Amino acid sequence: MTATRTLPPGTVVSVHSTRGDSGIWSVYRAERRKLSSQIAIRLLALVCLLGAIMSFSLLSYIDARGVIPGEFGPSWQAQQLGRDGRTAAALSP
């Protein structure tokens, strides 16, 4: 039987589910299952987006600053431009 076909006169239709589900609660559980599967996908997308934003921000900061004090010292480009106050000739061995 399709949803668009009319029933013949005198046909008895059961209103209650034959599986014993409790109506609105089965719908609630089904919707909750759908949402719980969407949460994982949305969380993964959020983590990827935040990672890309953090990478872009860090690289923009490094590009604008030129010299970041730390373990590795000034970058090669910053040394060539003299942004750290030293010239390229002073840095060569």
C-alpha atoms as a PDB file:
ATOM      1  CA  MET A   1       0.000   0.000   0.000  1.00  0.00           C
ATOM      2  CA  THR A   2       1.278   3.460  -0.812  1.00  0.00           C
ATOM      3  CA  ALA A   3       0.591   6.650   1.052  1.00  0.00           C
ATOM      4  CA  THR A   4      -1.342   8.124  -1.867  1.00  0.00           C
ATOM      5  CA  ARG A   5      -3.720   5.223  -2.469  1.00  0.00           C
ATOM      6  CA  THR A   6      -7.102   5.325  -0.785  1.00  0.00           C
ATOM      7  CA  LEU A   7      -8.221   2.464   1.402  1.00  0.00           C
ATOM      8  CA  PRO A   8     -11.283   0.466   0.460  1.00  0.00           C
ATOM      9  CA  PRO A   9     -14.345   1.139   2.600  1.00  0.00           C
ATOM     10  CA  GLY A  10     -14.530  -0.916   5.793  1.00  0.00           C
ATOM     11  CA  THR A  11     -10.739  -1.392   6.152  1.00  0.00           C
ATOM     12  CA  VAL A  12      -9.578  -1.304   9.741  1.00  0.00           C
ATOM     13  CA  VAL A  13      -6.336   0.570  10.329  1.00  0.00           C
ATOM     14  CA  SER A  14      -4.419   0.109  13.552  1.00  0.00           C
ATOM     15  CA  VAL A  15      -3.458   3.384  15.148  1.00  0.00           C
ATOM     16  CA  HIS A  16      -0.906   1.845  17.476  1.00  0.00           C
ATOM     17  CA  SER A  17       2.424   0.486  16.364  1.00  0.00           C
ATOM     18  CA  THR A  18       2.738  -3.291  16.191  1.00  0.00           C
ATOM     19  CA  ARG A  19       6.272  -3.153  17.578  1.00  0.00           C
ATOM     20  CA  GLY A  20       5.200  -1.710  20.910  1.00  0.00           C
ATOM     21  CA  ASP A  21       7.061   1.590  20.553  1.00  0.00           C
ATOM     22  CA  SER A  22       5.733   4.356  22.698  1.00  0.00           C
ATOM     23  CA  GLY A  23       4.873   6.917  19.997  1.00  0.00           C
ATOM     24  CA  ILE A  24       6.541  10.241  20.654  1.00  0.00           C
ATOM     25  CA  TRP A  25       9.431   8.667  22.547  1.00  0.00           C
ATOM     26  CA  SER A  26      10.451   6.572  19.551  1.00  0.00           C
ATOM     27  CA  VAL A  27      10.500   9.707  17.424  1.00  0.00           C
ATOM     28  CA  TYR A  28      12.544  11.476  20.101  1.00  0.00           C
ATOM     29  CA  ARG A  29      15.076   8.624  20.207  1.00  0.00           C
ATOM     30  CA  ALA A  30      15.395   8.579  16.416  1.00  0.00           C
ATOM     31  CA  GLU A  31      16.021  12.327  16.273  1.00  0.00           C
ATOM     32  CA  ARG A  32      18.537  12.078  19.094  1.00  0.00           C
ATOM     33  CA  ARG A  33      20.454   9.366  17.215  1.00  0.00           C
ATOM     34  CA  LYS A  34      20.584  11.587  14.136  1.00  0.00           C
ATOM     35  CA  LEU A  35      21.847  14.560  16.133  1.00  0.00           C
ATOM     36  CA  SER A  36      24.488  12.513  17.944  1.00  0.00           C
ATOM     37  CA  SER A  37      25.934  11.359  14.629  1.00  0.00           C
ATOM     38  CA  GLN A  38      25.980  14.957  13.381  1.00  0.00           C
ATOM     39  CA  ILE A  39      27.818  16.198  16.469  1.00  0.00           C
ATOM     40  CA  ALA A  40      30.933  14.175  15.623  1.00  0.00           C
ATOM     41  CA  ILE A  41      31.015  15.538  12.075  1.00  0.00           C
ATOM     42  CA  ARG A  42      30.496  19.118  13.242  1.00  0.00           C
ATOM     43  CA  LEU A  43      33.162  18.773  15.918  1.00  0.00           C
ATOM     44  CA  LEU A  44      35.666  17.455  13.384  1.00  0.00           C
ATOM     45  CA  ALA A  45      34.884  20.343  11.024  1.00  0.00           C
ATOM     46  CA  LEU A  46      35.320  22.820  13.889  1.00  0.00           C
ATOM     47  CA  VAL A  47      38.695  21.352  14.898  1.00  0.00           C
ATOM     48  CA  CYS A  48      39.929  21.496  11.289  1.00  0.00           C
ATOM     49  CA  LEU A  49      38.746  25.074  10.886  1.00  0.00           C
ATOM     50  CA  LEU A  50      40.368  26.174  14.156  1.00  0.00           C
ATOM     51  CA  GLY A  51      43.629  24.476  13.176  1.00  0.00           C
ATOM     52  CA  ALA A  52      43.692  26.323   9.868  1.00  0.00           C
ATOM     53  CA  ILE A  53      42.965  29.650  11.579  1.00  0.00           C
ATOM     54  CA  MET A  54      45.704  29.071  14.151  1.00  0.00           C
ATOM     55  CA  SER A  55      48.230  28.137  11.466  1.00  0.00           C
ATOM     56  CA  PHE A  56      47.365  31.204   9.411  1.00  0.00           C
ATOM     57  CA  SER A  57      47.599  33.432  12.488  1.00  0.00           C
ATOM     58  CA  LEU A  58      50.977  32.039  13.513  1.00  0.00           C
ATOM     59  CA  LEU A  59      52.446  32.361  10.029  1.00  0.00           C
ATOM     60  CA  SER A  60      51.072  35.906   9.711  1.00  0.00           C
ATOM     61  CA  TYR A  61      52.658  36.816  13.042  1.00  0.00           C
ATOM     62  CA  ILE A  62      56.001  35.362  12.003  1.00  0.00           C
ATOM     63  CA  ASP A  63      55.835  37.190   8.673  1.00  0.00           C
ATOM     64  CA  ALA A  64      55.009  40.530  10.325  1.00  0.00           C
ATOM     65  CA  ARG A  65      57.475  40.189  13.186  1.00  0.00           C
ATOM     66  CA  GLY A  66      60.419  38.750  11.268  1.00  0.00           C
ATOM     67  CA  VAL A  67      62.402  37.837  14.365  1.00  0.00           C
ATOM     68  CA  ILE A  68      60.995  35.671  17.093  1.00  0.00           C
ATOM     69  CA  PRO A  69      63.378  35.222  20.008  1.00  0.00           C
ATOM     70  CA  GLY A  70      63.726  31.614  20.878  1.00  0.00           C
ATOM     71  CA  GLU A  71      65.667  28.467  20.339  1.00  0.00           C
ATOM     72  CA  PHE A  72      66.252  28.824  16.607  1.00  0.00           C
ATOM     73  CA  GLY A  73      67.052  32.540  16.364  1.00  0.00           C
ATOM     74  CA  PRO A  74      66.120  34.880  13.511  1.00  0.00           C
ATOM     75  CA  SER A  75      64.941  33.519  10.204  1.00  0.00           C
ATOM     76  CA  TRP A  76      67.146  33.621   7.116  1.00  0.00           C
ATOM     77  CA  GLN A  77      65.008  36.309   5.506  1.00  0.00           C
ATOM     78  CA  ALA A  78      65.123  38.445   8.651  1.00  0.00           C
ATOM     79  CA  GLN A  79      68.898  38.111   8.712  1.00  0.00           C
ATOM     80  CA  GLN A  80      69.133  39.246   5.099  1.00  0.00           C
ATOM     81  CA  LEU A  81      66.903  42.249   5.745  1.00  0.00           C
ATOM     82  CA  GLY A  82      68.731  43.192   8.954  1.00  0.00           C
ATOM     83  CA  ARG A  83      65.536  43.245  11.023  1.00  0.00           C
ATOM     84  CA  ASP A  84      67.299  41.948  14.094  1.00  0.00           C
ATOM     85  CA  GLY A  85      69.800  44.802  14.193  1.00  0.00           C
ATOM     86  CA  ARG A  86      72.650  42.740  12.789  1.00  0.00           C
ATOM     87  CA  THR A  87      73.795  42.622   9.200  1.00  0.00           C
ATOM     88  CA  ALA A  88      74.122  39.505   7.104  1.00  0.00           C
ATOM     89  CA  ALA A  89      77.923  39.909   7.072  1.00  0.00           C
ATOM     90  CA  ALA A  90      78.056  39.843  10.890  1.00  0.00           C
ATOM     91  CA  LEU A  91      76.123  36.588  10.977  1.00  0.00           C
ATOM     92  CA  SER A  92      78.308  34.676   8.526  1.00  0.00           C
ATOM     93  CA  PRO A  93      80.991  32.464  10.097  1.00  0.00           C
END
